[in-house]
Amino acid sequence: MDIILLIVFIGGYVFISFEQKFEVNKSAVAILLAFFCWSIVLIDSWHHDAVVLQQLNDHVSDIAQIFFFLMGVMTIVEIIDSYHGFCVISRLIQARSHLSLLWLTTFMTFFLSAFVTTSIIMMTLLHQFLPKTAERLTFASMIIVAANAGGAWTPIGDVTTTMLWIKGYLTSAAVIQKVFFSSLVSVLLPLLYFSFRIKGKNAKGLMPVRCVSSVETNTVFLIGTGALLLVPVLKAVFDLPPYLSVLLGLGLLWV
């Protein structure tokens, strides 16, 4: 039975890895993979079904915490974006050359990714600076690198780190202390490389982003980002589960 389970697991991951080739959504494959794997385990251990079901419930509990946490974070980001809250970020970008634009967007992405998803946001802002696709490739590459590196040094910036944090395998202080320097180095090395390849020609000025109003925009942005930053604080001080803290922030922002 273990061999059958291993074959099903590997087969499922092959379909997930070659999603574009098979043209089957990897989420659908993952759902089927979970069903068949757990079904095999339950059938193989039918006389110990109570124990296996308890294990299944424990896994579902862990996944539910991560699910509620990520859904809360994503919803907060969407609410901020719907009120054009990220106009606050665009106002901070004042670049006169491609080189300064590269460094500014890279470090903004690096630090913002520590508590909020910024890749799509920064990509959108780049369109206002660089209308030509070819010009955006280098900047887009650096944004992806900065987003991944920035998300690694906080417990809420990356899914993998978040899962370890929720399970209690690491603390916020430990992650920041141990990972920040290496994350910074992983950004600086490619940034220096691309800096020598960027020509110093002038960049286009940033086009103004339409906002609902300055008061609403700033308020939603501050409450939303504050809610996300409050999550590790409540975890460290009161040992409050992260998903509860995110739901608290989501509720306050929604109100």
C-alpha atoms as a PDB file:
ATOM      1  CA  MET A   1       0.000   0.000   0.000  1.00  0.00           C
ATOM      2  CA  ASP A   2       2.906   2.352   0.695  1.00  0.00           C
ATOM      3  CA  ILE A   3       4.152   1.829  -2.857  1.00  0.00           C
ATOM      4  CA  ILE A   4       0.711   2.686  -4.272  1.00  0.00           C
ATOM      5  CA  LEU A   5       0.590   5.816  -2.107  1.00  0.00           C
ATOM      6  CA  LEU A   6       4.047   6.862  -3.303  1.00  0.00           C
ATOM      7  CA  ILE A   7       3.130   6.290  -6.963  1.00  0.00           C
ATOM      8  CA  VAL A   8      -0.065   8.371  -6.621  1.00  0.00           C
ATOM      9  CA  PHE A   9       1.849  11.131  -4.832  1.00  0.00           C
ATOM     10  CA  ILE A  10       4.625  11.307  -7.452  1.00  0.00           C
ATOM     11  CA  GLY A  11       2.119  11.126 -10.300  1.00  0.00           C
ATOM     12  CA  GLY A  12       0.148  14.010  -8.846  1.00  0.00           C
ATOM     13  CA  TYR A  13       3.247  16.147  -8.470  1.00  0.00           C
ATOM     14  CA  VAL A  14       4.230  15.445 -12.071  1.00  0.00           C
ATOM     15  CA  PHE A  15       0.891  16.863 -13.208  1.00  0.00           C
ATOM     16  CA  ILE A  16       1.342  19.850 -10.895  1.00  0.00           C
ATOM     17  CA  SER A  17       4.881  20.519 -12.168  1.00  0.00           C
ATOM     18  CA  PHE A  18       3.863  20.321 -15.825  1.00  0.00           C
ATOM     19  CA  GLU A  19       0.631  22.261 -15.463  1.00  0.00           C
ATOM     20  CA  GLN A  20       1.136  24.242 -18.673  1.00  0.00           C
ATOM     21  CA  LYS A  21       1.948  21.140 -20.716  1.00  0.00           C
ATOM     22  CA  PHE A  22      -1.053  19.099 -19.528  1.00  0.00           C
ATOM     23  CA  GLU A  23      -3.324  22.186 -19.389  1.00  0.00           C
ATOM     24  CA  VAL A  24      -4.860  20.965 -16.141  1.00  0.00           C
ATOM     25  CA  ASN A  25      -5.102  23.435 -13.273  1.00  0.00           C
ATOM     26  CA  LYS A  26      -2.698  22.438 -10.508  1.00  0.00           C
ATOM     27  CA  SER A  27      -5.246  23.328  -7.821  1.00  0.00           C
ATOM     28  CA  ALA A  28      -7.649  20.727  -9.205  1.00  0.00           C
ATOM     29  CA  VAL A  29      -4.845  18.154  -9.315  1.00  0.00           C
ATOM     30  CA  ALA A  30      -3.842  18.982  -5.724  1.00  0.00           C
ATOM     31  CA  ILE A  31      -7.423  18.465  -4.512  1.00  0.00           C
ATOM     32  CA  LEU A  32      -7.654  15.079  -6.236  1.00  0.00           C
ATOM     33  CA  LEU A  33      -4.196  14.154  -4.956  1.00  0.00           C
ATOM     34  CA  ALA A  34      -5.230  14.902  -1.383  1.00  0.00           C
ATOM     35  CA  PHE A  35      -8.430  12.881  -1.773  1.00  0.00           C
ATOM     36  CA  PHE A  36      -6.749   9.792  -3.228  1.00  0.00           C
ATOM     37  CA  CYS A  37      -3.835   9.831  -0.778  1.00  0.00           C
ATOM     38  CA  TRP A  38      -6.055  10.084   2.282  1.00  0.00           C
ATOM     39  CA  SER A  39      -8.483   7.538   0.823  1.00  0.00           C
ATOM     40  CA  ILE A  40      -5.635   5.064   0.394  1.00  0.00           C
ATOM     41  CA  VAL A  41      -4.524   5.641   3.981  1.00  0.00           C
ATOM     42  CA  LEU A  42      -8.063   5.215   5.316  1.00  0.00           C
ATOM     43  CA  ILE A  43      -8.687   2.044   3.295  1.00  0.00           C
ATOM     44  CA  ASP A  44      -5.369   0.582   4.379  1.00  0.00           C
ATOM     45  CA  SER A  45      -6.094   1.365   8.057  1.00  0.00           C
ATOM     46  CA  TRP A  46      -9.833   0.761   8.172  1.00  0.00           C
ATOM     47  CA  HIS A  47      -9.551  -1.173  11.427  1.00  0.00           C
ATOM     48  CA  HIS A  48      -7.763   1.850  12.959  1.00  0.00           C
ATOM     49  CA  ASP A  49     -10.003   4.402  11.308  1.00  0.00           C
ATOM     50  CA  ALA A  50     -10.509   6.442  14.498  1.00  0.00           C
ATOM     51  CA  VAL A  51      -6.777   7.093  14.786  1.00  0.00           C
ATOM     52  CA  VAL A  52      -6.403   7.936  11.105  1.00  0.00           C
ATOM     53  CA  LEU A  53      -9.424  10.223  11.175  1.00  0.00           C
ATOM     54  CA  GLN A  54      -7.922  12.043  14.138  1.00  0.00           C
ATOM     55  CA  GLN A  55      -4.715  12.525  12.139  1.00  0.00           C
ATOM     56  CA  LEU A  56      -6.757  13.809   9.210  1.00  0.00           C
ATOM     57  CA  ASN A  57      -8.605  16.240  11.485  1.00  0.00           C
ATOM     58  CA  ASP A  58      -5.298  17.495  12.875  1.00  0.00           C
ATOM     59  CA  HIS A  59      -4.019  18.155   9.361  1.00  0.00           C
ATOM     60  CA  VAL A  60      -7.243  19.929   8.411  1.00  0.00           C
ATOM     61  CA  SER A  61      -6.960  22.081  11.529  1.00  0.00           C
ATOM     62  CA  ASP A  62      -3.417  23.135  10.612  1.00  0.00           C
ATOM     63  CA  ILE A  63      -4.376  23.861   7.009  1.00  0.00           C
ATOM     64  CA  ALA A  64      -7.479  25.808   8.088  1.00  0.00           C
ATOM     65  CA  GLN A  65      -5.351  28.148  10.207  1.00  0.00           C
ATOM     66  CA  ILE A  66      -3.063  28.849   7.259  1.00  0.00           C
ATOM     67  CA  PHE A  67      -6.058  29.224   4.930  1.00  0.00           C
ATOM     68  CA  PHE A  68      -7.849  31.757   7.140  1.00  0.00           C
ATOM     69  CA  PHE A  69      -4.592  33.643   7.662  1.00  0.00           C
ATOM     70  CA  LEU A  70      -3.787  33.913   3.947  1.00  0.00           C
ATOM     71  CA  MET A  71      -7.366  34.723   2.962  1.00  0.00           C
ATOM     72  CA  GLY A  72      -7.444  37.474   5.600  1.00  0.00           C
ATOM     73  CA  VAL A  73      -4.162  38.956   4.391  1.00  0.00           C
ATOM     74  CA  MET A  74      -5.205  38.810   0.737  1.00  0.00           C
ATOM     75  CA  THR A  75      -8.565  40.421   1.525  1.00  0.00           C
ATOM     76  CA  ILE A  76      -6.899  43.245   3.452  1.00  0.00           C
ATOM     77  CA  VAL A  77      -4.602  43.881   0.483  1.00  0.00           C
ATOM     78  CA  GLU A  78      -7.571  43.878  -1.908  1.00  0.00           C
ATOM     79  CA  ILE A  79      -9.476  46.356   0.275  1.00  0.00           C
ATOM     80  CA  ILE A  80      -6.463  48.666   0.366  1.00  0.00           C
ATOM     81  CA  ASP A  81      -6.137  48.405  -3.405  1.00  0.00           C
ATOM     82  CA  SER A  82      -9.854  49.009  -4.007  1.00  0.00           C
ATOM     83  CA  TYR A  83      -9.525  52.342  -2.181  1.00  0.00           C
ATOM     84  CA  HIS A  84      -6.345  53.116  -4.161  1.00  0.00           C
ATOM     85  CA  GLY A  85      -4.441  52.924  -0.912  1.00  0.00           C
ATOM     86  CA  PHE A  86      -1.231  52.080  -2.719  1.00  0.00           C
ATOM     87  CA  CYS A  87      -1.270  55.595  -4.138  1.00  0.00           C
ATOM     88  CA  VAL A  88       0.699  56.338  -0.982  1.00  0.00           C
ATOM     89  CA  ILE A  89       3.508  54.174  -2.357  1.00  0.00           C
ATOM     90  CA  SER A  90       3.396  55.717  -5.809  1.00  0.00           C
ATOM     91  CA  ARG A  91       3.790  59.196  -4.334  1.00  0.00           C
ATOM     92  CA  LEU A  92       7.069  58.114  -2.763  1.00  0.00           C
ATOM     93  CA  ILE A  93       8.592  57.148  -6.107  1.00  0.00           C
ATOM     94  CA  GLN A  94      10.497  60.132  -7.430  1.00  0.00           C
ATOM     95  CA  ALA A  95      13.042  58.832  -9.932  1.00  0.00           C
ATOM     96  CA  ARG A  96      14.931  60.819 -12.561  1.00  0.00           C
ATOM     97  CA  SER A  97      16.916  57.956 -14.079  1.00  0.00           C
ATOM     98  CA  HIS A  98      16.555  54.245 -14.716  1.00  0.00           C
ATOM     99  CA  LEU A  99      19.248  53.523 -12.143  1.00  0.00           C
ATOM    100  CA  SER A 100      17.552  55.435  -9.339  1.00  0.00           C
ATOM    101  CA  LEU A 101      14.224  53.875 -10.317  1.00  0.00           C
ATOM    102  CA  LEU A 102      15.758  50.398 -10.113  1.00  0.00           C
ATOM    103  CA  TRP A 103      17.195  50.950  -6.629  1.00  0.00           C
ATOM    104  CA  LEU A 104      14.084  52.694  -5.317  1.00  0.00           C
ATOM    105  CA  THR A 105      11.605  50.075  -6.522  1.00  0.00           C
ATOM    106  CA  THR A 106      13.870  47.228  -5.380  1.00  0.00           C
ATOM    107  CA  PHE A 107      14.205  48.419  -1.794  1.00  0.00           C
ATOM    108  CA  MET A 108      10.567  49.464  -1.554  1.00  0.00           C
ATOM    109  CA  THR A 109       9.575  45.980  -2.683  1.00  0.00           C
ATOM    110  CA  PHE A 110      12.075  44.363  -0.310  1.00  0.00           C
ATOM    111  CA  PHE A 111      10.709  46.088   2.803  1.00  0.00           C
ATOM    112  CA  LEU A 112       7.023  46.151   1.838  1.00  0.00           C
ATOM    113  CA  SER A 113       7.075  42.437   0.997  1.00  0.00           C
ATOM    114  CA  ALA A 114       7.930  41.770   4.615  1.00  0.00           C
ATOM    115  CA  PHE A 115       4.271  42.236   5.522  1.00  0.00           C
ATOM    116  CA  VAL A 116       2.217  42.591   2.338  1.00  0.00           C
ATOM    117  CA  THR A 117       2.221  41.134  -1.181  1.00  0.00           C
ATOM    118  CA  THR A 118       3.810  43.790  -3.399  1.00  0.00           C
ATOM    119  CA  SER A 119       4.890  42.097  -6.636  1.00  0.00           C
ATOM    120  CA  ILE A 120       1.727  42.899  -8.598  1.00  0.00           C
ATOM    121  CA  ILE A 121       1.507  46.366  -7.065  1.00  0.00           C
ATOM    122  CA  MET A 122       5.054  47.304  -8.026  1.00  0.00           C
ATOM    123  CA  MET A 123       4.629  45.777 -11.489  1.00  0.00           C
ATOM    124  CA  THR A 124       1.591  47.992 -12.029  1.00  0.00           C
ATOM    125  CA  LEU A 125       3.494  51.076 -10.936  1.00  0.00           C
ATOM    126  CA  LEU A 126       6.332  50.194 -13.330  1.00  0.00           C
ATOM    127  CA  HIS A 127       3.964  50.498 -16.278  1.00  0.00           C
ATOM    128  CA  GLN A 128       3.638  54.181 -15.479  1.00  0.00           C
ATOM    129  CA  PHE A 129       7.404  54.658 -15.637  1.00  0.00           C
ATOM    130  CA  LEU A 130       8.342  52.269 -18.429  1.00  0.00           C
ATOM    131  CA  PRO A 131       5.717  51.818 -21.158  1.00  0.00           C
ATOM    132  CA  LYS A 132       7.967  49.548 -23.235  1.00  0.00           C
ATOM    133  CA  THR A 133       7.915  45.856 -22.311  1.00  0.00           C
ATOM    134  CA  ALA A 134      11.605  45.323 -23.062  1.00  0.00           C
ATOM    135  CA  GLU A 135      12.589  48.029 -20.585  1.00  0.00           C
ATOM    136  CA  ARG A 136      10.509  46.466 -17.828  1.00  0.00           C
ATOM    137  CA  LEU A 137      12.122  43.014 -17.943  1.00  0.00           C
ATOM    138  CA  THR A 138      15.144  43.912 -15.818  1.00  0.00           C
ATOM    139  CA  PHE A 139      13.014  45.842 -13.336  1.00  0.00           C
ATOM    140  CA  ALA A 140      10.442  43.055 -13.170  1.00  0.00           C
ATOM    141  CA  SER A 141      13.182  40.507 -12.479  1.00  0.00           C
ATOM    142  CA  MET A 142      14.545  42.588  -9.603  1.00  0.00           C
ATOM    143  CA  ILE A 143      11.075  43.091  -8.163  1.00  0.00           C
ATOM    144  CA  ILE A 144      10.477  39.334  -8.075  1.00  0.00           C
ATOM    145  CA  VAL A 145      13.863  38.766  -6.400  1.00  0.00           C
ATOM    146  CA  ALA A 146      13.225  41.560  -3.888  1.00  0.00           C
ATOM    147  CA  ALA A 147       9.695  40.328  -3.142  1.00  0.00           C
ATOM    148  CA  ASN A 148      10.884  36.798  -2.382  1.00  0.00           C
ATOM    149  CA  ALA A 149      13.867  37.956  -0.334  1.00  0.00           C
ATOM    150  CA  GLY A 150      11.804  40.529   1.529  1.00  0.00           C
ATOM    151  CA  GLY A 151       9.111  38.026   2.360  1.00  0.00           C
ATOM    152  CA  ALA A 152      11.610  35.581   3.828  1.00  0.00           C
ATOM    153  CA  TRP A 153      12.822  37.612   6.814  1.00  0.00           C
ATOM    154  CA  THR A 154       9.449  38.058   8.545  1.00  0.00           C
ATOM    155  CA  PRO A 155       6.915  35.432   9.650  1.00  0.00           C
ATOM    156  CA  ILE A 156       4.081  36.941   7.572  1.00  0.00           C
ATOM    157  CA  GLY A 157       5.948  37.692   4.351  1.00  0.00           C
ATOM    158  CA  ASP A 158       6.200  34.185   2.925  1.00  0.00           C
ATOM    159  CA  VAL A 159       3.854  31.187   2.995  1.00  0.00           C
ATOM    160  CA  THR A 160       6.560  28.718   4.055  1.00  0.00           C
ATOM    161  CA  THR A 161       7.762  30.939   6.899  1.00  0.00           C
ATOM    162  CA  THR A 162       4.165  31.576   7.926  1.00  0.00           C
ATOM    163  CA  MET A 163       3.455  27.835   8.154  1.00  0.00           C
ATOM    164  CA  LEU A 164       6.500  27.281  10.386  1.00  0.00           C
ATOM    165  CA  TRP A 165       5.553  30.301  12.498  1.00  0.00           C
ATOM    166  CA  ILE A 166       1.937  29.185  12.988  1.00  0.00           C
ATOM    167  CA  LYS A 167       3.132  25.735  14.072  1.00  0.00           C
ATOM    168  CA  GLY A 168       5.423  27.361  16.638  1.00  0.00           C
ATOM    169  CA  TYR A 169       8.690  26.174  15.078  1.00  0.00           C
ATOM    170  CA  LEU A 170      10.125  29.699  15.054  1.00  0.00           C
ATOM    171  CA  THR A 171       9.539  33.160  16.501  1.00  0.00           C
ATOM    172  CA  SER A 172       9.301  36.570  14.867  1.00  0.00           C
ATOM    173  CA  ALA A 173      12.460  37.858  16.514  1.00  0.00           C
ATOM    174  CA  ALA A 174      14.448  34.762  15.541  1.00  0.00           C
ATOM    175  CA  VAL A 175      13.417  34.986  11.882  1.00  0.00           C
ATOM    176  CA  ILE A 176      14.298  38.663  11.599  1.00  0.00           C
ATOM    177  CA  GLN A 177      17.581  38.243  13.430  1.00  0.00           C
ATOM    178  CA  LYS A 178      18.774  35.158  11.544  1.00  0.00           C
ATOM    179  CA  VAL A 179      17.448  35.778   8.037  1.00  0.00           C
ATOM    180  CA  PHE A 180      17.459  39.552   7.453  1.00  0.00           C
ATOM    181  CA  PHE A 181      21.152  39.861   6.564  1.00  0.00           C
ATOM    182  CA  SER A 182      21.165  36.934   4.129  1.00  0.00           C
ATOM    183  CA  SER A 183      17.951  38.249   2.528  1.00  0.00           C
ATOM    184  CA  LEU A 184      19.539  41.653   2.104  1.00  0.00           C
ATOM    185  CA  VAL A 185      22.650  40.136   0.505  1.00  0.00           C
ATOM    186  CA  SER A 186      20.518  38.087  -1.897  1.00  0.00           C
ATOM    187  CA  VAL A 187      18.954  41.348  -3.089  1.00  0.00           C
ATOM    188  CA  LEU A 188      22.116  43.436  -3.244  1.00  0.00           C
ATOM    189  CA  LEU A 189      24.115  41.010  -5.406  1.00  0.00           C
ATOM    190  CA  PRO A 190      21.713  40.933  -8.397  1.00  0.00           C
ATOM    191  CA  LEU A 191      20.920  44.621  -7.849  1.00  0.00           C
ATOM    192  CA  LEU A 192      24.595  45.558  -8.236  1.00  0.00           C
ATOM    193  CA  TYR A 193      24.845  43.342 -11.303  1.00  0.00           C
ATOM    194  CA  PHE A 194      21.866  44.972 -13.023  1.00  0.00           C
ATOM    195  CA  SER A 195      22.991  48.441 -11.955  1.00  0.00           C
ATOM    196  CA  PHE A 196      26.036  48.161 -14.215  1.00  0.00           C
ATOM    197  CA  ARG A 197      23.791  47.199 -17.126  1.00  0.00           C
ATOM    198  CA  ILE A 198      21.269  50.006 -16.721  1.00  0.00           C
ATOM    199  CA  LYS A 199      21.867  53.078 -18.820  1.00  0.00           C
ATOM    200  CA  GLY A 200      21.572  56.404 -17.062  1.00  0.00           C
ATOM    201  CA  LYS A 201      18.946  57.863 -19.354  1.00  0.00           C
ATOM    202  CA  ASN A 202      16.043  59.784 -17.911  1.00  0.00           C
ATOM    203  CA  ALA A 203      12.944  57.939 -16.831  1.00  0.00           C
ATOM    204  CA  LYS A 204       9.449  59.163 -17.528  1.00  0.00           C
ATOM    205  CA  GLY A 205       7.667  60.919 -14.724  1.00  0.00           C
ATOM    206  CA  LEU A 206       5.166  58.999 -12.703  1.00  0.00           C
ATOM    207  CA  MET A 207       1.628  59.407 -13.907  1.00  0.00           C
ATOM    208  CA  PRO A 208      -0.749  60.337 -11.092  1.00  0.00           C
ATOM    209  CA  VAL A 209      -2.921  57.507  -9.804  1.00  0.00           C
ATOM    210  CA  ARG A 210      -6.594  58.320  -9.381  1.00  0.00           C
ATOM    211  CA  CYS A 211      -7.576  58.154  -5.711  1.00  0.00           C
ATOM    212  CA  VAL A 212     -10.993  58.266  -4.065  1.00  0.00           C
ATOM    213  CA  SER A 213      -9.765  61.013  -1.749  1.00  0.00           C
ATOM    214  CA  SER A 214      -6.587  61.676   0.140  1.00  0.00           C
ATOM    215  CA  VAL A 215      -8.286  61.148   3.513  1.00  0.00           C
ATOM    216  CA  GLU A 216      -9.919  57.814   2.600  1.00  0.00           C
ATOM    217  CA  THR A 217      -6.827  56.583   0.781  1.00  0.00           C
ATOM    218  CA  ASN A 218      -4.453  57.359   3.641  1.00  0.00           C
ATOM    219  CA  THR A 219      -6.860  56.035   6.277  1.00  0.00           C
ATOM    220  CA  VAL A 220      -7.410  52.681   4.569  1.00  0.00           C
ATOM    221  CA  PHE A 221      -3.701  52.296   3.844  1.00  0.00           C
ATOM    222  CA  LEU A 222      -2.669  53.049   7.443  1.00  0.00           C
ATOM    223  CA  ILE A 223      -5.332  50.811   9.026  1.00  0.00           C
ATOM    224  CA  GLY A 224      -4.646  47.963   6.589  1.00  0.00           C
ATOM    225  CA  THR A 225      -0.874  47.975   6.952  1.00  0.00           C
ATOM    226  CA  GLY A 226      -1.206  48.557  10.693  1.00  0.00           C
ATOM    227  CA  ALA A 227      -3.460  45.511  10.973  1.00  0.00           C
ATOM    228  CA  LEU A 228      -0.855  43.361   9.217  1.00  0.00           C
ATOM    229  CA  LEU A 229       1.988  44.677  11.373  1.00  0.00           C
ATOM    230  CA  LEU A 230      -0.094  44.003  14.496  1.00  0.00           C
ATOM    231  CA  VAL A 231      -0.223  40.257  13.793  1.00  0.00           C
ATOM    232  CA  PRO A 232       3.308  39.344  14.979  1.00  0.00           C
ATOM    233  CA  VAL A 233       2.959  41.753  17.904  1.00  0.00           C
ATOM    234  CA  LEU A 234      -0.179  40.033  19.224  1.00  0.00           C
ATOM    235  CA  LYS A 235       1.457  36.662  18.664  1.00  0.00           C
ATOM    236  CA  ALA A 236       4.558  37.651  20.641  1.00  0.00           C
ATOM    237  CA  VAL A 237       2.767  39.455  23.485  1.00  0.00           C
ATOM    238  CA  PHE A 238      -0.442  37.451  23.942  1.00  0.00           C
ATOM    239  CA  ASP A 239       0.391  34.282  21.965  1.00  0.00           C
ATOM    240  CA  LEU A 240      -2.735  34.935  19.903  1.00  0.00           C
ATOM    241  CA  PRO A 241      -3.010  32.650  16.840  1.00  0.00           C
ATOM    242  CA  PRO A 242      -2.041  34.631  13.713  1.00  0.00           C
ATOM    243  CA  TYR A 243      -5.264  33.860  11.862  1.00  0.00           C
ATOM    244  CA  LEU A 244      -7.294  35.391  14.713  1.00  0.00           C
ATOM    245  CA  SER A 245      -5.162  38.537  14.619  1.00  0.00           C
ATOM    246  CA  VAL A 246      -5.631  38.817  10.858  1.00  0.00           C
ATOM    247  CA  LEU A 247      -9.392  38.373  11.188  1.00  0.00           C
ATOM    248  CA  LEU A 248      -9.380  41.090  13.866  1.00  0.00           C
ATOM    249  CA  GLY A 249      -7.538  43.448  11.527  1.00  0.00           C
ATOM    250  CA  LEU A 250      -9.830  42.541   8.626  1.00  0.00           C
ATOM    251  CA  GLY A 251     -12.916  43.218  10.736  1.00  0.00           C
ATOM    252  CA  LEU A 252     -11.614  46.592  11.915  1.00  0.00           C
ATOM    253  CA  LEU A 253     -10.636  47.627   8.397  1.00  0.00           C
ATOM    254  CA  TRP A 254     -13.982  46.491   7.010  1.00  0.00           C
ATOM    255  CA  VAL A 255     -15.879  48.518   9.621  1.00  0.00           C
END
